[in-house]
Amino acid sequence: MEILFEDNHLIAVNKPIGVLVQGDQTGDKPLSDYVKLYIKDRYNKPGDVFLGVIHRLDRPASGVTIFARTSKALERMNRLFSDRKIGKKYWAVVGKRPNPINGHLTHYLLKDPNKNVVRAFDQMSNRAKDAKKAELDYELIGEIGDSFLLEIDLHTGRPHQIRAQLAKIGCPIRGDVKYGFAKGNYDSSIHLHCRSLTFVHPVKNEPVTITADPPDEQVWRLFR
């Protein structure tokens, strides 16, 4: 487990692909449990370790994942996310060059809980009256063969937002068969990575930027 940032209030790790951030109905061991064990072992803590889940990444994605080590930090970080005071940069590799190569996307997302799939609509309508507004900026920053690296500035944090919005403009993420890419990756991953989080520390009131390298994998290595 790669520790990216750690102090008395927060801990951030580079989430590996295929690992849940928080436990679900599968019963698979989540990243939060591994982090708790790390803290318990490193600091010889007796009993249960407090760890607050602040945000989540999809299981097949990777990148910066931050947890709170105190209830005060959890409450304040949740407020920063809610007030959109966290800078969130993602990298995504898609199989088609976007047109235009940079832009702002606004869609309305509606989740089908039975299929665990999100649909993106260009505007609100009767059939999407419960949809949530989603916004992001994207920019093409790399291109090798039929692989195109996008940097995404995420303004909202809806479930499957980047995956659904890029699919809506005809640029599904590599490996993401759920959202229209033709072929899955051998390890069931998708080429979506939380590159960095930027915020003011909730207790120390200092600027913090946490950055994570993408997985050591063939397609990601192309863009090094």
C-alpha atoms as a PDB file:
ATOM      1  CA  MET A   1       0.000   0.000   0.000  1.00  0.00           C
ATOM      2  CA  GLU A   2       1.502   3.308  -1.102  1.00  0.00           C
ATOM      3  CA  ILE A   3       1.063   6.033   1.519  1.00  0.00           C
ATOM      4  CA  LEU A   4       0.904   9.459  -0.161  1.00  0.00           C
ATOM      5  CA  PHE A   5       0.204  11.702   2.830  1.00  0.00           C
ATOM      6  CA  GLU A   6      -0.073  11.163   6.568  1.00  0.00           C
ATOM      7  CA  ASP A   7      -0.459  13.277   9.681  1.00  0.00           C
ATOM      8  CA  ASN A   8      -2.504  13.127  12.882  1.00  0.00           C
ATOM      9  CA  HIS A   9      -5.713  14.089  11.074  1.00  0.00           C
ATOM     10  CA  LEU A  10      -5.593  12.633   7.558  1.00  0.00           C
ATOM     11  CA  ILE A  11      -4.081   9.760   5.636  1.00  0.00           C
ATOM     12  CA  ALA A  12      -4.068   9.359   1.858  1.00  0.00           C
ATOM     13  CA  VAL A  13      -3.114   6.296  -0.179  1.00  0.00           C
ATOM     14  CA  ASN A  14      -2.808   5.406  -3.839  1.00  0.00           C
ATOM     15  CA  LYS A  15      -5.735   3.034  -4.305  1.00  0.00           C
ATOM     16  CA  PRO A  16      -4.849  -0.029  -6.375  1.00  0.00           C
ATOM     17  CA  ILE A  17      -7.213  -1.156  -9.126  1.00  0.00           C
ATOM     18  CA  GLY A  18      -9.769  -3.767  -8.156  1.00  0.00           C
ATOM     19  CA  VAL A  19      -9.964  -2.784  -4.484  1.00  0.00           C
ATOM     20  CA  LEU A  20     -13.097  -1.400  -2.858  1.00  0.00           C
ATOM     21  CA  VAL A  21     -12.728   1.801  -0.861  1.00  0.00           C
ATOM     22  CA  GLN A  22     -15.472   0.822   1.587  1.00  0.00           C
ATOM     23  CA  GLY A  23     -17.107  -2.536   2.276  1.00  0.00           C
ATOM     24  CA  ASP A  24     -20.193  -3.570   0.321  1.00  0.00           C
ATOM     25  CA  GLN A  25     -22.434  -6.594  -0.198  1.00  0.00           C
ATOM     26  CA  THR A  26     -19.607  -8.586  -1.811  1.00  0.00           C
ATOM     27  CA  GLY A  27     -17.905  -8.996   1.550  1.00  0.00           C
ATOM     28  CA  ASP A  28     -14.499  -8.320  -0.038  1.00  0.00           C
ATOM     29  CA  LYS A  29     -11.951  -6.656   2.207  1.00  0.00           C
ATOM     30  CA  PRO A  30     -11.944  -2.908   1.468  1.00  0.00           C
ATOM     31  CA  LEU A  31      -9.114  -0.414   1.373  1.00  0.00           C
ATOM     32  CA  SER A  32     -10.384   1.188   4.596  1.00  0.00           C
ATOM     33  CA  ASP A  33      -9.656  -2.046   6.480  1.00  0.00           C
ATOM     34  CA  TYR A  34      -6.104  -2.200   5.136  1.00  0.00           C
ATOM     35  CA  VAL A  35      -5.512   1.406   6.206  1.00  0.00           C
ATOM     36  CA  LYS A  36      -6.867   0.687   9.685  1.00  0.00           C
ATOM     37  CA  LEU A  37      -4.494  -2.250  10.027  1.00  0.00           C
ATOM     38  CA  TYR A  38      -1.591  -0.074   8.887  1.00  0.00           C
ATOM     39  CA  ILE A  39      -2.399   2.602  11.498  1.00  0.00           C
ATOM     40  CA  LYS A  40      -2.935   0.029  14.243  1.00  0.00           C
ATOM     41  CA  ASP A  41       0.384  -1.644  13.500  1.00  0.00           C
ATOM     42  CA  ARG A  42       2.462   1.490  13.011  1.00  0.00           C
ATOM     43  CA  TYR A  43       1.236   3.296  16.115  1.00  0.00           C
ATOM     44  CA  ASN A  44       0.615   0.221  18.307  1.00  0.00           C
ATOM     45  CA  LYS A  45      -2.981   1.290  18.869  1.00  0.00           C
ATOM     46  CA  PRO A  46      -5.095  -0.924  21.142  1.00  0.00           C
ATOM     47  CA  GLY A  47      -8.727  -1.611  20.283  1.00  0.00           C
ATOM     48  CA  ASP A  48     -10.532  -0.265  17.231  1.00  0.00           C
ATOM     49  CA  VAL A  49      -8.966   2.400  15.014  1.00  0.00           C
ATOM     50  CA  PHE A  50     -11.119   5.347  13.923  1.00  0.00           C
ATOM     51  CA  LEU A  51     -11.049   5.914  10.170  1.00  0.00           C
ATOM     52  CA  GLY A  52     -13.552   8.049   8.283  1.00  0.00           C
ATOM     53  CA  VAL A  53     -14.231   7.480   4.590  1.00  0.00           C
ATOM     54  CA  ILE A  54     -14.288  10.910   2.945  1.00  0.00           C
ATOM     55  CA  HIS A  55     -14.746  10.019  -0.726  1.00  0.00           C
ATOM     56  CA  ARG A  56     -14.784   6.942  -2.928  1.00  0.00           C
ATOM     57  CA  LEU A  57     -13.245   5.797  -6.175  1.00  0.00           C
ATOM     58  CA  ASP A  58     -14.869   3.146  -8.355  1.00  0.00           C
ATOM     59  CA  ARG A  59     -13.472  -0.330  -7.793  1.00  0.00           C
ATOM     60  CA  PRO A  60     -11.827  -0.652 -11.257  1.00  0.00           C
ATOM     61  CA  ALA A  61     -10.199   2.810 -10.978  1.00  0.00           C
ATOM     62  CA  SER A  62      -7.062   3.891  -9.099  1.00  0.00           C
ATOM     63  CA  GLY A  63      -5.498   6.932  -7.500  1.00  0.00           C
ATOM     64  CA  VAL A  64      -5.581   9.336  -4.576  1.00  0.00           C
ATOM     65  CA  THR A  65      -7.956   8.234  -1.833  1.00  0.00           C
ATOM     66  CA  ILE A  66      -8.067  10.166   1.413  1.00  0.00           C
ATOM     67  CA  PHE A  67      -9.362   9.129   4.832  1.00  0.00           C
ATOM     68  CA  ALA A  68      -9.892  11.012   8.094  1.00  0.00           C
ATOM     69  CA  ARG A  69      -8.130   9.866  11.253  1.00  0.00           C
ATOM     70  CA  THR A  70     -10.262  12.040  13.549  1.00  0.00           C
ATOM     71  CA  SER A  71     -13.959  12.902  13.666  1.00  0.00           C
ATOM     72  CA  LYS A  72     -13.088  16.599  13.452  1.00  0.00           C
ATOM     73  CA  ALA A  73     -11.145  16.082  10.231  1.00  0.00           C
ATOM     74  CA  LEU A  74     -13.942  13.915   8.810  1.00  0.00           C
ATOM     75  CA  GLU A  75     -16.604  16.543   9.439  1.00  0.00           C
ATOM     76  CA  ARG A  76     -14.509  19.368   8.011  1.00  0.00           C
ATOM     77  CA  MET A  77     -13.332  17.429   4.953  1.00  0.00           C
ATOM     78  CA  ASN A  78     -16.913  16.373   4.206  1.00  0.00           C
ATOM     79  CA  ARG A  79     -17.847  20.043   4.298  1.00  0.00           C
ATOM     80  CA  LEU A  80     -15.016  20.939   1.898  1.00  0.00           C
ATOM     81  CA  PHE A  81     -16.206  18.301  -0.567  1.00  0.00           C
ATOM     82  CA  SER A  82     -19.824  19.426  -0.178  1.00  0.00           C
ATOM     83  CA  ASP A  83     -18.866  23.075  -0.735  1.00  0.00           C
ATOM     84  CA  ARG A  84     -16.721  22.120  -3.773  1.00  0.00           C
ATOM     85  CA  LYS A  85     -13.554  23.454  -2.183  1.00  0.00           C
ATOM     86  CA  ILE A  86     -11.505  20.408  -3.165  1.00  0.00           C
ATOM     87  CA  GLY A  87      -9.561  20.514  -6.433  1.00  0.00           C
ATOM     88  CA  LYS A  88      -9.949  17.103  -8.113  1.00  0.00           C
ATOM     89  CA  LYS A  89      -7.811  16.154 -11.114  1.00  0.00           C
ATOM     90  CA  TYR A  90      -8.247  12.838 -12.890  1.00  0.00           C
ATOM     91  CA  TRP A  91      -6.507  11.174 -15.799  1.00  0.00           C
ATOM     92  CA  ALA A  92      -8.446   9.008 -18.227  1.00  0.00           C
ATOM     93  CA  VAL A  93      -7.254   7.114 -21.285  1.00  0.00           C
ATOM     94  CA  VAL A  94      -9.891   6.897 -24.005  1.00  0.00           C
ATOM     95  CA  GLY A  95      -9.860   5.198 -27.386  1.00  0.00           C
ATOM     96  CA  LYS A  96     -11.098   8.150 -29.427  1.00  0.00           C
ATOM     97  CA  ARG A  97      -9.859  11.708 -29.773  1.00  0.00           C
ATOM     98  CA  PRO A  98     -12.469  14.074 -28.307  1.00  0.00           C
ATOM     99  CA  ASN A  99     -13.812  16.842 -30.508  1.00  0.00           C
ATOM    100  CA  PRO A 100     -13.077  19.527 -29.441  1.00  0.00           C
ATOM    101  CA  ILE A 101      -9.864  18.476 -27.703  1.00  0.00           C
ATOM    102  CA  ASN A 102     -10.792  20.472 -24.610  1.00  0.00           C
ATOM    103  CA  GLY A 103     -14.032  21.736 -23.199  1.00  0.00           C
ATOM    104  CA  HIS A 104     -16.612  21.921 -20.446  1.00  0.00           C
ATOM    105  CA  LEU A 105     -19.256  19.216 -20.064  1.00  0.00           C
ATOM    106  CA  THR A 106     -22.600  19.613 -18.298  1.00  0.00           C
ATOM    107  CA  HIS A 107     -24.970  16.666 -18.114  1.00  0.00           C
ATOM    108  CA  TYR A 108     -27.763  15.388 -15.916  1.00  0.00           C
ATOM    109  CA  LEU A 109     -27.041  11.951 -14.487  1.00  0.00           C
ATOM    110  CA  LEU A 110     -29.631   9.355 -13.558  1.00  0.00           C
ATOM    111  CA  LYS A 111     -28.591   6.125 -11.858  1.00  0.00           C
ATOM    112  CA  ASP A 112     -30.233   2.760 -12.436  1.00  0.00           C
ATOM    113  CA  PRO A 113     -29.620   1.054  -9.065  1.00  0.00           C
ATOM    114  CA  ASN A 114     -30.600  -2.371 -10.402  1.00  0.00           C
ATOM    115  CA  LYS A 115     -27.931  -2.326 -13.118  1.00  0.00           C
ATOM    116  CA  ASN A 116     -25.517   0.011 -11.287  1.00  0.00           C
ATOM    117  CA  VAL A 117     -25.262   2.128 -14.432  1.00  0.00           C
ATOM    118  CA  VAL A 118     -25.590   5.894 -14.801  1.00  0.00           C
ATOM    119  CA  ARG A 119     -27.176   7.519 -17.843  1.00  0.00           C
ATOM    120  CA  ALA A 120     -26.183  11.024 -18.929  1.00  0.00           C
ATOM    121  CA  PHE A 121     -28.779  13.392 -20.384  1.00  0.00           C
ATOM    122  CA  ASP A 122     -28.069  16.689 -22.144  1.00  0.00           C
ATOM    123  CA  GLN A 123     -30.918  18.399 -20.333  1.00  0.00           C
ATOM    124  CA  MET A 124     -33.533  17.802 -17.687  1.00  0.00           C
ATOM    125  CA  SER A 125     -36.704  16.068 -18.859  1.00  0.00           C
ATOM    126  CA  ASN A 126     -39.676  14.192 -17.456  1.00  0.00           C
ATOM    127  CA  ARG A 127     -37.905  10.865 -17.836  1.00  0.00           C
ATOM    128  CA  ALA A 128     -34.876  12.222 -15.990  1.00  0.00           C
ATOM    129  CA  LYS A 129     -36.613  14.416 -13.411  1.00  0.00           C
ATOM    130  CA  ASP A 130     -34.540  12.914 -10.584  1.00  0.00           C
ATOM    131  CA  ALA A 131     -31.237  13.379 -12.420  1.00  0.00           C
ATOM    132  CA  LYS A 132     -28.359  15.236 -10.768  1.00  0.00           C
ATOM    133  CA  LYS A 133     -26.391  17.968 -12.512  1.00  0.00           C
ATOM    134  CA  ALA A 134     -22.774  17.025 -13.260  1.00  0.00           C
ATOM    135  CA  GLU A 135     -19.962  19.229 -14.540  1.00  0.00           C
ATOM    136  CA  LEU A 136     -16.352  18.731 -15.535  1.00  0.00           C
ATOM    137  CA  ASP A 137     -13.629  20.228 -17.709  1.00  0.00           C
ATOM    138  CA  TYR A 138     -11.415  18.033 -19.866  1.00  0.00           C
ATOM    139  CA  GLU A 139      -8.262  18.562 -21.888  1.00  0.00           C
ATOM    140  CA  LEU A 140      -6.315  16.285 -24.235  1.00  0.00           C
ATOM    141  CA  ILE A 141      -2.761  16.148 -22.831  1.00  0.00           C
ATOM    142  CA  GLY A 142      -1.316  13.084 -24.567  1.00  0.00           C
ATOM    143  CA  GLU A 143      -1.809  10.987 -27.682  1.00  0.00           C
ATOM    144  CA  ILE A 144      -0.102   7.741 -28.707  1.00  0.00           C
ATOM    145  CA  GLY A 145      -1.629   5.607 -31.463  1.00  0.00           C
ATOM    146  CA  ASP A 146      -5.255   4.956 -30.613  1.00  0.00           C
ATOM    147  CA  SER A 147      -4.846   5.958 -26.957  1.00  0.00           C
ATOM    148  CA  PHE A 148      -5.710   9.493 -25.861  1.00  0.00           C
ATOM    149  CA  LEU A 149      -4.888  10.820 -22.393  1.00  0.00           C
ATOM    150  CA  LEU A 150      -7.332  13.327 -20.944  1.00  0.00           C
ATOM    151  CA  GLU A 151      -6.877  15.439 -17.830  1.00  0.00           C
ATOM    152  CA  ILE A 152     -10.171  16.090 -16.100  1.00  0.00           C
ATOM    153  CA  ASP A 153     -10.999  18.822 -13.622  1.00  0.00           C
ATOM    154  CA  LEU A 154     -13.987  17.456 -11.750  1.00  0.00           C
ATOM    155  CA  HIS A 155     -16.408  20.084 -10.435  1.00  0.00           C
ATOM    156  CA  THR A 156     -19.054  17.752  -9.013  1.00  0.00           C
ATOM    157  CA  GLY A 157     -18.665  14.291  -7.540  1.00  0.00           C
ATOM    158  CA  ARG A 158     -21.509  12.140  -8.851  1.00  0.00           C
ATOM    159  CA  PRO A 159     -21.272   8.331  -8.976  1.00  0.00           C
ATOM    160  CA  HIS A 160     -19.674   7.160 -12.250  1.00  0.00           C
ATOM    161  CA  GLN A 161     -19.676  10.779 -13.414  1.00  0.00           C
ATOM    162  CA  ILE A 162     -16.515  10.801 -15.520  1.00  0.00           C
ATOM    163  CA  ARG A 163     -17.304   7.406 -17.015  1.00  0.00           C
ATOM    164  CA  ALA A 164     -20.845   8.406 -18.005  1.00  0.00           C
ATOM    165  CA  GLN A 165     -19.990  11.878 -19.296  1.00  0.00           C
ATOM    166  CA  LEU A 166     -17.074  10.748 -21.458  1.00  0.00           C
ATOM    167  CA  ALA A 167     -19.194   7.919 -22.845  1.00  0.00           C
ATOM    168  CA  LYS A 168     -21.913  10.450 -23.664  1.00  0.00           C
ATOM    169  CA  ILE A 169     -19.544  12.377 -25.961  1.00  0.00           C
ATOM    170  CA  GLY A 170     -18.433   9.156 -27.664  1.00  0.00           C
ATOM    171  CA  CYS A 171     -15.182   8.699 -25.718  1.00  0.00           C
ATOM    172  CA  PRO A 172     -15.649   5.809 -23.279  1.00  0.00           C
ATOM    173  CA  ILE A 173     -12.679   5.032 -21.057  1.00  0.00           C
ATOM    174  CA  ARG A 174     -10.410   2.167 -22.082  1.00  0.00           C
ATOM    175  CA  GLY A 175     -11.561  -1.101 -20.539  1.00  0.00           C
ATOM    176  CA  ASP A 176     -14.909   0.312 -19.433  1.00  0.00           C
ATOM    177  CA  VAL A 177     -17.287  -2.085 -21.194  1.00  0.00           C
ATOM    178  CA  LYS A 178     -20.108  -1.001 -18.870  1.00  0.00           C
ATOM    179  CA  TYR A 179     -20.023   2.396 -20.569  1.00  0.00           C
ATOM    180  CA  GLY A 180     -19.449   1.338 -24.131  1.00  0.00           C
ATOM    181  CA  PHE A 181     -15.768   0.542 -24.639  1.00  0.00           C
ATOM    182  CA  ALA A 182     -15.489  -2.393 -27.023  1.00  0.00           C
ATOM    183  CA  LYS A 183     -13.059  -4.515 -25.028  1.00  0.00           C
ATOM    184  CA  GLY A 184     -12.411  -5.064 -21.334  1.00  0.00           C
ATOM    185  CA  ASN A 185      -8.978  -5.070 -19.736  1.00  0.00           C
ATOM    186  CA  TYR A 186      -7.542  -8.439 -18.693  1.00  0.00           C
ATOM    187  CA  ASP A 187      -7.667  -7.455 -15.001  1.00  0.00           C
ATOM    188  CA  SER A 188     -11.147  -5.846 -15.160  1.00  0.00           C
ATOM    189  CA  SER A 189      -9.608  -2.414 -14.573  1.00  0.00           C
ATOM    190  CA  ILE A 190     -10.484   0.778 -16.390  1.00  0.00           C
ATOM    191  CA  HIS A 191      -7.984   3.473 -17.319  1.00  0.00           C
ATOM    192  CA  LEU A 192      -9.297   6.078 -14.890  1.00  0.00           C
ATOM    193  CA  HIS A 193      -6.980   7.482 -12.237  1.00  0.00           C
ATOM    194  CA  CYS A 194      -7.417  10.145  -9.564  1.00  0.00           C
ATOM    195  CA  ARG A 195      -4.241  12.101 -10.192  1.00  0.00           C
ATOM    196  CA  SER A 196      -4.448  14.712  -7.420  1.00  0.00           C
ATOM    197  CA  LEU A 197      -6.501  16.351  -4.691  1.00  0.00           C
ATOM    198  CA  THR A 198      -5.857  19.950  -3.619  1.00  0.00           C
ATOM    199  CA  PHE A 199      -7.378  21.575  -0.540  1.00  0.00           C
ATOM    200  CA  VAL A 200      -6.741  23.632   2.574  1.00  0.00           C
ATOM    201  CA  HIS A 201      -5.957  21.350   5.512  1.00  0.00           C
ATOM    202  CA  PRO A 202      -9.073  21.156   7.704  1.00  0.00           C
ATOM    203  CA  VAL A 203      -7.148  21.576  10.977  1.00  0.00           C
ATOM    204  CA  LYS A 204      -3.771  23.137  10.144  1.00  0.00           C
ATOM    205  CA  ASN A 205      -5.264  25.563   7.607  1.00  0.00           C
ATOM    206  CA  GLU A 206      -2.344  24.973   5.217  1.00  0.00           C
ATOM    207  CA  PRO A 207      -2.562  24.293   1.453  1.00  0.00           C
ATOM    208  CA  VAL A 208      -2.161  20.608   0.590  1.00  0.00           C
ATOM    209  CA  THR A 209      -1.770  18.895  -2.769  1.00  0.00           C
ATOM    210  CA  ILE A 210      -1.619  15.091  -2.873  1.00  0.00           C
ATOM    211  CA  THR A 211      -0.506  13.461  -6.115  1.00  0.00           C
ATOM    212  CA  ALA A 212      -0.465   9.786  -7.166  1.00  0.00           C
ATOM    213  CA  ASP A 213       1.254   8.079 -10.081  1.00  0.00           C
ATOM    214  CA  PRO A 214      -0.928   5.786 -12.217  1.00  0.00           C
ATOM    215  CA  PRO A 215      -0.476   1.991 -12.092  1.00  0.00           C
ATOM    216  CA  ASP A 216       2.684   0.450 -13.524  1.00  0.00           C
ATOM    217  CA  GLU A 217       0.817  -0.947 -16.508  1.00  0.00           C
ATOM    218  CA  GLN A 218       1.445  -1.037 -20.262  1.00  0.00           C
ATOM    219  CA  VAL A 219      -0.964   1.686 -21.417  1.00  0.00           C
ATOM    220  CA  TRP A 220      -0.165   4.049 -18.549  1.00  0.00           C
ATOM    221  CA  ARG A 221       3.563   3.525 -19.176  1.00  0.00           C
ATOM    222  CA  LEU A 222       3.098   4.825 -22.724  1.00  0.00           C
ATOM    223  CA  PHE A 223       2.421   8.296 -21.339  1.00  0.00           C
ATOM    224  CA  ARG A 224       5.370   8.532 -18.968  1.00  0.00           C
END
